[in-house]
Amino acid sequence: MVTIEALRAALTSTLPAGTLPTDPAQTDPAPADPAPVSPTPAAPAISNPADNPTDPDPASTDHTTKGHHPGARPPLLVANPTTTPLPPLRGWETGAVVAVGTSGSTGEPKTVLLSASALVASAELTHARLGGPGTWLLALPTTHIAGIQVLVRSIVAGTRPGVLDLADGFRASGFAAAARSVLAGPGRHYTALVPTQLARLVATDGPGLAAARGFDAVLLGGAAAPPALLDRARALGVRVVTTYGMSETSGGCVYDGLPLDGVHVRLVGGRIEVRGPVLALGYQGGERFGEWFRTGDLGRIRPDGTLEVLGRADDVIISGGENVAPALVERALTAQRGVREACAVGLPDPEWGQVVAAAVVPEDPGHLPDVDALRAAVGDTIGRFAIPKRVIFVSELPLRGPGKVDRRAVAGSFG
């Protein structure tokens, strides 16, 4: 687990003097005035490669770590290690201050190496998008990038975060208690959650929902949020900001479908690629990242110009020659009454190659949604080729990492 003290020391040892504010625990300064929201850049942040014929070759781009002092070895903080002990860093890898193990939910786990400049850039760009720095409530584990970034944003803002004790899991009452001290302070207030946490807060009109309403922004990421959950939360007054990103992009880099200033997104063959100051250095033991990072996620551009993420390319189900994006099936299912969550996977089939199967978490286990109605909803929304051949009801979806569904485990539940 990464602590704010260790993270502050690692960042300070790498960045030029004066880059970061003094630890407020020692000086207790007055909160900084909110910074103005940065204007939308004139150049399109989401593009098709055909619109950018002069983009440089990714392999030719130099990613020098800003502020890194040659010869100085910053202390490396390791979160969620994929191997123990971590092999020694070599060459360009020594510019990293944080190493984050990926969840491995769709492939072999990897160790992402992040520089101080990328982490700080992400924090600064987040504050610019949200309307200025503020005080954060840490409600996610710091074994993953989302929790680490709450600490980085606090360090950059010169504030001390409130901390929610997750030892016994996430509870709305605990969230309300932890939020109380954060919301009592001056300035702006933020937190970051995964969809499962938000769903628990908006399930009842209690202290947890009241606390969530008090934040100037609730960042939501880690997994795709059901549209019904977003609609309910916003209707109840929670200022939700959906985020897309990963360890390789220092956390969220696309907010409500729009890249942060300085971050650019393009689609290549329907796959999302990202560039900008938030990119990690690379994977340990692998090659250094080029200018554009290939995420492996599928996406499309909505009519309003925002990015819609369709899930991992590796998760696409090919049934009878038709490509089925699990995310679209899941959205069709969760839009139906009585469905809290859903996960669509492909199962081997001798005739079709794969068939679509869906695990559904009902709102009320005592009143299950009609399976035929669910299947019809998918067919009406996407097409007959996407209709789940098998549907099972489960009490919860298995997770791997904060908010991320373990699709392999879901597929295994069908026998």
Protein backbone atom coordinates (compact mmCIF):
# COMPACT_ATOMS: atom_id res chain seq x y z
CA MET A 1 0.00 0.00 0.00
CA VAL A 2 1.30 3.45 -0.98
CA THR A 3 1.17 6.11 1.75
CA ILE A 4 0.97 9.85 1.19
CA GLU A 5 4.21 10.41 3.12
CA ALA A 6 6.17 7.96 0.97
CA LEU A 7 4.60 9.32 -2.21
CA ARG A 8 5.40 12.91 -1.27
CA ALA A 9 9.03 11.94 -0.60
CA ALA A 10 9.30 10.12 -3.93
CA LEU A 11 7.83 13.00 -5.93
CA THR A 12 9.86 15.65 -4.10
CA SER A 13 13.13 13.79 -4.65
CA THR A 14 12.52 13.72 -8.40
CA LEU A 15 10.88 17.04 -9.27
CA PRO A 16 12.62 20.44 -9.25
CA ALA A 17 12.56 22.26 -5.92
CA GLY A 18 9.41 24.30 -5.41
CA THR A 19 7.29 22.21 -7.77
CA LEU A 20 5.09 20.88 -4.98
CA PRO A 21 3.50 22.76 -2.07
CA THR A 22 4.80 22.25 1.45
CA ASP A 23 3.19 19.45 3.45
CA PRO A 24 0.07 21.05 5.03
CA ALA A 25 0.50 18.81 8.07
CA GLN A 26 3.58 20.89 8.90
CA THR A 27 2.49 24.36 7.77
CA ASP A 28 -1.33 24.18 7.74
CA PRO A 29 -1.65 26.83 5.00
CA ALA A 30 -4.89 28.40 3.91
CA PRO A 31 -6.59 26.57 1.04
CA ALA A 32 -5.52 27.75 -2.37
CA ASP A 33 -7.99 29.72 -4.45
CA PRO A 34 -9.62 27.60 -7.13
CA ALA A 35 -7.80 27.78 -10.43
CA PRO A 36 -9.78 28.79 -13.49
CA VAL A 37 -11.03 26.00 -15.71
CA SER A 38 -8.72 25.63 -18.68
CA PRO A 39 -10.36 26.44 -22.00
CA THR A 40 -11.03 23.65 -24.45
CA PRO A 41 -8.05 23.37 -26.81
CA ALA A 42 -8.61 24.57 -30.33
CA ALA A 43 -7.19 21.41 -31.86
CA PRO A 44 -9.46 18.35 -31.67
CA ALA A 45 -8.52 16.08 -28.77
CA ILE A 46 -10.32 13.08 -30.25
CA SER A 47 -9.40 12.27 -33.78
CA ASN A 48 -9.08 9.79 -36.57
CA PRO A 49 -5.49 9.21 -37.77
CA ALA A 50 -6.57 10.35 -41.24
CA ASP A 51 -7.11 13.80 -39.75
CA ASN A 52 -3.49 13.93 -38.51
CA PRO A 53 -1.22 12.87 -41.38
CA THR A 54 1.76 14.61 -39.80
CA ASP A 55 1.63 12.72 -36.49
CA PRO A 56 5.18 11.53 -35.79
CA ASP A 57 6.13 7.89 -35.74
CA PRO A 58 5.48 6.59 -32.19
CA ALA A 59 8.81 4.79 -32.15
CA SER A 60 10.71 8.02 -32.80
CA THR A 61 9.31 9.99 -29.86
CA ASP A 62 11.50 10.75 -26.85
CA HIS A 63 9.67 10.59 -23.51
CA THR A 64 12.16 12.34 -21.25
CA THR A 65 10.97 12.46 -17.66
CA LYS A 66 10.60 16.14 -16.84
CA GLY A 67 12.41 17.22 -13.74
CA HIS A 68 14.35 13.99 -13.33
CA HIS A 69 17.86 14.62 -12.08
CA PRO A 70 20.46 12.49 -13.92
CA GLY A 71 22.27 10.19 -11.55
CA ALA A 72 19.62 10.51 -8.82
CA ARG A 73 17.67 7.33 -8.09
CA PRO A 74 14.19 8.22 -6.80
CA PRO A 75 12.70 5.79 -4.28
CA LEU A 76 10.43 3.36 -6.09
CA LEU A 77 7.00 2.73 -4.56
CA VAL A 78 5.42 -0.57 -5.58
CA ALA A 79 1.65 -1.04 -5.57
CA ASN A 80 -0.08 -4.35 -6.23
CA PRO A 81 3.16 -6.10 -7.23
CA THR A 82 2.94 -8.81 -9.89
CA THR A 83 6.19 -10.38 -8.70
CA THR A 84 7.98 -10.30 -5.35
CA PRO A 85 10.57 -8.96 -5.14
CA LEU A 86 10.39 -6.64 -8.12
CA PRO A 87 13.40 -7.12 -10.44
CA PRO A 88 15.94 -4.25 -10.44
CA LEU A 89 15.14 -1.32 -12.72
CA ARG A 90 17.43 -0.78 -15.70
CA GLY A 91 18.03 2.03 -18.18
CA TRP A 92 14.97 4.19 -18.80
CA GLU A 93 13.08 2.28 -16.10
CA THR A 94 15.01 4.14 -13.40
CA GLY A 95 12.98 7.28 -14.15
CA ALA A 96 9.98 5.70 -12.41
CA VAL A 97 8.85 6.64 -8.92
CA VAL A 98 5.78 4.37 -8.78
CA ALA A 99 5.28 0.83 -10.10
CA VAL A 100 1.71 -0.40 -10.37
CA GLY A 101 0.75 -3.99 -11.11
CA THR A 102 -2.15 -4.30 -13.56
CA SER A 103 -5.10 -6.48 -12.62
CA GLY A 104 -4.49 -8.99 -15.39
CA SER A 105 -8.25 -9.32 -15.91
CA THR A 106 -7.80 -9.80 -19.66
CA GLY A 107 -4.26 -11.14 -19.91
CA GLU A 108 -0.97 -11.62 -18.08
CA PRO A 109 -0.40 -9.05 -15.30
CA LYS A 110 2.22 -6.39 -16.04
CA THR A 111 4.05 -3.80 -13.99
CA VAL A 112 3.46 -0.22 -15.17
CA LEU A 113 6.26 2.26 -14.45
CA LEU A 114 5.14 5.83 -13.81
CA SER A 115 7.25 8.97 -13.62
CA ALA A 116 6.70 11.85 -11.21
CA SER A 117 5.96 14.23 -14.09
CA ALA A 118 3.19 12.00 -15.48
CA LEU A 119 1.53 11.59 -12.10
CA VAL A 120 1.65 15.30 -11.34
CA ALA A 121 0.47 16.25 -14.84
CA SER A 122 -2.57 14.03 -14.38
CA ALA A 123 -3.38 15.65 -11.04
CA GLU A 124 -2.97 19.19 -12.37
CA LEU A 125 -5.08 18.50 -15.46
CA THR A 126 -7.78 16.93 -13.31
CA HIS A 127 -8.00 19.99 -11.09
CA ALA A 128 -8.12 22.25 -14.14
CA ARG A 129 -11.04 20.27 -15.54
CA LEU A 130 -12.94 20.16 -12.25
CA GLY A 131 -12.58 23.86 -11.51
CA GLY A 132 -9.58 24.04 -9.21
CA PRO A 133 -7.73 22.13 -6.48
CA GLY A 134 -9.54 21.00 -3.39
CA THR A 135 -9.68 18.52 -0.54
CA TRP A 136 -10.16 14.86 -1.44
CA LEU A 137 -11.73 11.91 0.33
CA LEU A 138 -9.76 8.72 -0.31
CA ALA A 139 -12.35 5.95 -0.70
CA LEU A 140 -10.30 3.57 -2.88
CA PRO A 141 -7.31 1.37 -2.02
CA THR A 142 -3.88 2.81 -2.78
CA THR A 143 -2.80 -0.53 -4.21
CA HIS A 144 -4.30 0.73 -7.49
CA ILE A 145 -3.81 3.85 -9.58
CA ALA A 146 -7.20 5.41 -8.75
CA GLY A 147 -6.36 5.51 -5.05
CA ILE A 148 -2.78 6.62 -5.69
CA GLN A 149 -4.02 9.52 -7.78
CA VAL A 150 -6.20 10.79 -4.93
CA LEU A 151 -2.99 11.08 -2.92
CA VAL A 152 -1.11 12.78 -5.77
CA ARG A 153 -3.93 15.30 -6.26
CA SER A 154 -3.87 16.08 -2.56
CA ILE A 155 -0.11 16.61 -2.61
CA VAL A 156 -0.37 18.87 -5.66
CA ALA A 157 -3.25 20.82 -4.09
CA GLY A 158 -1.41 21.24 -0.80
CA THR A 159 -4.23 19.60 1.15
CA ARG A 160 -4.56 16.54 3.36
CA PRO A 161 -7.10 13.95 2.19
CA GLY A 162 -9.74 12.41 4.36
CA VAL A 163 -9.42 8.62 4.46
CA LEU A 164 -12.22 6.06 4.46
CA ASP A 165 -11.29 2.88 6.33
CA LEU A 166 -11.98 -0.01 3.91
CA ALA A 167 -10.80 -2.78 6.23
CA ASP A 168 -14.36 -4.09 6.60
CA GLY A 169 -15.47 -3.18 3.09
CA PHE A 170 -17.40 -0.19 1.78
CA ARG A 171 -20.50 0.94 3.65
CA ALA A 172 -22.62 4.01 3.08
CA SER A 173 -22.53 4.85 6.80
CA GLY A 174 -18.74 4.72 6.85
CA PHE A 175 -18.55 6.90 3.76
CA ALA A 176 -20.80 9.49 5.39
CA ALA A 177 -18.69 9.56 8.54
CA ALA A 178 -15.42 9.92 6.63
CA ALA A 179 -16.86 12.61 4.36
CA ARG A 180 -18.03 14.73 7.27
CA SER A 181 -14.62 16.18 8.14
CA VAL A 182 -13.74 16.74 4.47
CA LEU A 183 -16.96 18.56 3.65
CA ALA A 184 -16.70 20.70 6.81
CA GLY A 185 -13.55 22.36 5.49
CA PRO A 186 -13.33 25.34 3.12
CA GLY A 187 -12.79 25.20 -0.62
CA ARG A 188 -13.78 22.54 -3.10
CA HIS A 189 -14.32 18.90 -2.22
CA TYR A 190 -13.83 15.80 -4.33
CA THR A 191 -13.86 12.02 -4.11
CA ALA A 192 -13.42 9.08 -6.47
CA LEU A 193 -15.52 5.91 -6.50
CA VAL A 194 -16.23 2.79 -8.53
CA PRO A 195 -19.79 2.02 -9.73
CA THR A 196 -20.45 -0.56 -7.00
CA GLN A 197 -19.74 2.03 -4.31
CA LEU A 198 -21.93 4.66 -5.95
CA ALA A 199 -24.77 2.14 -6.31
CA ARG A 200 -24.71 1.55 -2.55
CA LEU A 201 -24.78 5.26 -1.81
CA VAL A 202 -27.83 5.96 -3.99
CA ALA A 203 -29.72 2.81 -3.00
CA THR A 204 -31.42 4.60 -0.10
CA ASP A 205 -32.04 8.19 0.90
CA GLY A 206 -29.65 8.13 3.84
CA PRO A 207 -26.49 9.79 5.18
CA GLY A 208 -24.35 8.23 2.45
CA LEU A 209 -26.37 9.87 -0.32
CA ALA A 210 -26.42 13.18 1.55
CA ALA A 211 -22.62 13.07 1.82
CA ALA A 212 -22.21 12.22 -1.87
CA ARG A 213 -24.35 15.26 -2.76
CA GLY A 214 -21.94 17.48 -0.84
CA PHE A 215 -18.96 16.88 -3.14
CA ASP A 216 -18.26 19.26 -6.00
CA ALA A 217 -17.41 16.23 -8.12
CA VAL A 218 -17.55 12.47 -7.64
CA LEU A 219 -15.19 10.85 -10.13
CA LEU A 220 -16.49 7.48 -11.27
CA GLY A 221 -14.22 4.94 -12.94
CA GLY A 222 -12.68 1.50 -12.71
CA ALA A 223 -15.45 -0.05 -14.78
CA ALA A 224 -18.29 0.99 -17.06
CA ALA A 225 -21.21 2.39 -15.08
CA PRO A 226 -24.73 1.26 -16.01
CA PRO A 227 -26.64 4.19 -17.57
CA ALA A 228 -29.48 3.67 -15.11
CA LEU A 229 -27.05 4.19 -12.20
CA LEU A 230 -25.71 7.42 -13.69
CA ASP A 231 -29.22 8.72 -14.35
CA ARG A 232 -30.36 7.89 -10.81
CA ALA A 233 -27.30 9.42 -9.14
CA ARG A 234 -27.52 12.64 -11.13
CA ALA A 235 -31.26 12.90 -10.59
CA LEU A 236 -30.59 12.65 -6.85
CA GLY A 237 -28.13 15.54 -7.00
CA VAL A 238 -24.79 13.70 -7.08
CA ARG A 239 -22.34 15.53 -9.36
CA VAL A 240 -20.90 12.46 -11.10
CA VAL A 241 -18.01 12.79 -13.55
CA THR A 242 -17.37 9.60 -15.50
CA THR A 243 -13.71 8.84 -16.14
CA TYR A 244 -11.80 6.61 -18.54
CA GLY A 245 -8.19 5.69 -18.06
CA MET A 246 -5.85 3.09 -16.66
CA SER A 247 -2.54 2.69 -14.88
CA GLU A 248 -0.75 3.31 -18.18
CA THR A 249 -2.32 6.81 -18.36
CA SER A 250 -1.75 7.70 -14.69
CA GLY A 251 -5.44 7.08 -14.05
CA GLY A 252 -8.40 8.85 -15.64
CA CYS A 253 -7.53 10.90 -18.72
CA VAL A 254 -10.96 11.24 -20.38
CA TYR A 255 -13.68 12.89 -18.30
CA ASP A 256 -17.32 12.69 -19.38
CA GLY A 257 -16.11 11.58 -22.79
CA LEU A 258 -13.66 14.47 -23.33
CA PRO A 259 -9.87 14.13 -22.94
CA LEU A 260 -8.14 16.30 -20.36
CA ASP A 261 -6.37 19.33 -21.81
CA GLY A 262 -3.13 18.21 -23.44
CA VAL A 263 -4.36 14.62 -23.77
CA HIS A 264 -5.28 13.40 -27.25
CA VAL A 265 -7.30 10.36 -28.23
CA ARG A 266 -7.64 8.71 -31.63
CA LEU A 267 -9.27 5.57 -32.99
CA VAL A 268 -7.23 3.20 -35.12
CA GLY A 269 -9.32 0.36 -36.49
CA GLY A 270 -11.86 1.11 -33.79
CA ARG A 271 -9.25 0.81 -31.05
CA ILE A 272 -8.49 3.64 -28.65
CA GLU A 273 -5.01 5.18 -28.60
CA VAL A 274 -3.88 7.93 -26.21
CA ARG A 275 -1.01 10.39 -26.09
CA GLY A 276 -0.11 13.20 -23.73
CA PRO A 277 1.91 14.12 -20.63
CA VAL A 278 0.09 11.56 -18.47
CA LEU A 279 1.51 8.47 -20.18
CA ALA A 280 3.57 6.01 -18.19
CA LEU A 281 7.17 5.31 -19.12
CA GLY A 282 6.38 1.73 -20.08
CA TYR A 283 6.19 -1.79 -18.70
CA GLN A 284 9.03 -3.16 -16.63
CA GLY A 285 11.01 -5.64 -18.66
CA GLY A 286 9.37 -4.41 -21.85
CA GLU A 287 9.84 -1.59 -24.30
CA ARG A 288 9.45 2.06 -23.42
CA PHE A 289 6.14 3.50 -24.59
CA GLY A 290 6.10 5.55 -27.79
CA GLU A 291 4.14 8.75 -28.31
CA TRP A 292 0.82 6.94 -28.76
CA PHE A 293 -0.25 4.27 -26.29
CA ARG A 294 -2.45 1.52 -27.73
CA THR A 295 -4.97 0.79 -24.96
CA GLY A 296 -6.50 -2.37 -26.39
CA ASP A 297 -9.96 -0.90 -25.78
CA LEU A 298 -12.62 -0.43 -28.43
CA GLY A 299 -14.40 2.88 -28.81
CA ARG A 300 -16.46 5.08 -31.05
CA ILE A 301 -17.18 8.78 -31.33
CA ARG A 302 -20.70 9.86 -30.45
CA PRO A 303 -22.51 12.48 -32.57
CA ASP A 304 -21.66 15.12 -29.93
CA GLY A 305 -17.92 14.41 -30.33
CA THR A 306 -17.41 12.56 -27.05
CA LEU A 307 -15.72 9.19 -26.70
CA GLU A 308 -17.77 6.10 -25.97
CA VAL A 309 -15.77 3.15 -24.66
CA LEU A 310 -17.02 -0.24 -25.84
CA GLY A 311 -14.78 -2.45 -23.74
CA ARG A 312 -11.67 -4.51 -24.37
CA ALA A 313 -10.98 -5.67 -27.90
CA ASP A 314 -9.99 -9.03 -26.40
CA ASP A 315 -13.49 -9.35 -24.92
CA VAL A 316 -15.32 -9.10 -28.25
CA ILE A 317 -17.56 -12.10 -28.83
CA ILE A 318 -17.56 -13.49 -32.38
CA SER A 319 -20.76 -15.45 -32.92
CA GLY A 320 -21.58 -16.78 -36.36
CA GLY A 321 -19.23 -14.22 -37.92
CA GLU A 322 -20.84 -11.28 -36.08
CA ASN A 323 -18.80 -9.18 -33.66
CA VAL A 324 -20.61 -8.50 -30.40
CA ALA A 325 -19.27 -5.89 -27.96
CA PRO A 326 -20.06 -7.12 -24.42
CA ALA A 327 -20.42 -3.54 -23.20
CA LEU A 328 -23.37 -2.93 -25.53
CA VAL A 329 -25.11 -6.11 -24.34
CA GLU A 330 -24.52 -5.10 -20.73
CA ARG A 331 -25.93 -1.63 -21.30
CA ALA A 332 -29.04 -3.05 -22.91
CA LEU A 333 -29.55 -5.39 -19.96
CA THR A 334 -28.91 -2.83 -17.20
CA ALA A 335 -31.34 -0.45 -18.86
CA GLN A 336 -34.14 -2.88 -17.99
CA ARG A 337 -36.18 -2.67 -14.82
CA GLY A 338 -34.95 -4.92 -12.06
CA VAL A 339 -31.36 -5.30 -13.29
CA ARG A 340 -28.57 -3.88 -11.13
CA GLU A 341 -25.51 -5.21 -12.99
CA ALA A 342 -24.73 -7.49 -15.90
CA CYS A 343 -21.72 -9.09 -17.55
CA ALA A 344 -21.75 -10.58 -21.05
CA VAL A 345 -19.16 -13.17 -22.09
CA GLY A 346 -18.58 -15.52 -24.99
CA LEU A 347 -18.86 -19.28 -24.51
CA PRO A 348 -17.42 -21.83 -26.95
CA ASP A 349 -19.98 -23.33 -29.33
CA PRO A 350 -19.39 -25.97 -32.04
CA GLU A 351 -21.86 -24.38 -34.45
CA TRP A 352 -21.45 -20.64 -33.92
CA GLY A 353 -17.87 -20.51 -32.68
CA GLN A 354 -19.07 -18.57 -29.65
CA VAL A 355 -22.46 -17.76 -28.19
CA VAL A 356 -23.34 -14.80 -26.01
CA ALA A 357 -24.04 -15.55 -22.34
CA ALA A 358 -24.99 -13.08 -19.61
CA ALA A 359 -24.71 -13.10 -15.84
CA VAL A 360 -27.26 -10.73 -14.31
CA VAL A 361 -27.40 -9.27 -10.79
CA PRO A 362 -31.06 -8.51 -9.98
CA GLU A 363 -32.15 -5.53 -7.92
CA ASP A 364 -34.34 -7.81 -5.83
CA PRO A 365 -33.37 -11.50 -5.62
CA GLY A 366 -36.95 -12.28 -4.67
CA HIS A 367 -38.33 -10.84 -7.91
CA LEU A 368 -36.20 -11.86 -10.86
CA PRO A 369 -36.59 -10.07 -14.20
CA ASP A 370 -38.19 -12.03 -17.01
CA VAL A 371 -35.44 -13.73 -19.04
CA ASP A 372 -37.38 -13.56 -22.31
CA ALA A 373 -37.89 -9.82 -21.79
CA LEU A 374 -34.18 -9.34 -21.18
CA ARG A 375 -33.24 -11.26 -24.30
CA ALA A 376 -35.78 -9.31 -26.34
CA ALA A 377 -34.35 -6.03 -25.07
CA VAL A 378 -30.89 -6.98 -26.33
CA GLY A 379 -32.29 -8.04 -29.70
CA ASP A 380 -34.27 -4.81 -30.08
CA THR A 381 -31.29 -2.65 -29.08
CA ILE A 382 -28.42 -4.36 -30.90
CA GLY A 383 -29.76 -7.13 -33.12
CA ARG A 384 -30.69 -10.80 -32.95
CA PHE A 385 -27.06 -11.87 -33.26
CA ALA A 386 -26.32 -10.32 -29.84
CA ILE A 387 -29.15 -12.02 -27.93
CA PRO A 388 -27.74 -14.05 -25.00
CA LYS A 389 -28.29 -17.76 -25.51
CA ARG A 390 -27.81 -18.33 -21.78
CA VAL A 391 -28.77 -16.06 -18.90
CA ILE A 392 -28.07 -16.77 -15.24
CA PHE A 393 -28.84 -14.73 -12.13
CA VAL A 394 -26.10 -14.19 -9.55
CA SER A 395 -25.91 -12.31 -6.27
CA GLU A 396 -22.79 -10.41 -7.35
CA LEU A 397 -20.20 -10.30 -10.10
CA PRO A 398 -16.67 -11.49 -9.26
CA LEU A 399 -14.18 -8.64 -9.24
CA ARG A 400 -10.47 -8.41 -10.01
CA GLY A 401 -9.16 -5.03 -8.99
CA PRO A 402 -11.32 -2.10 -7.82
CA GLY A 403 -14.62 -2.24 -9.69
CA LYS A 404 -13.31 -4.44 -12.51
CA VAL A 405 -15.32 -7.54 -13.35
CA ASP A 406 -13.36 -10.79 -13.67
CA ARG A 407 -14.75 -12.00 -17.00
CA ARG A 408 -12.86 -15.25 -16.86
CA ALA A 409 -14.54 -16.12 -13.58
CA VAL A 410 -17.93 -15.12 -14.99
CA ALA A 411 -17.43 -17.39 -18.01
CA GLY A 412 -16.42 -20.20 -15.68
CA SER A 413 -19.68 -19.88 -13.75
CA PHE A 414 -21.59 -21.23 -16.75
CA GLY A 415 -19.89 -24.61 -16.39
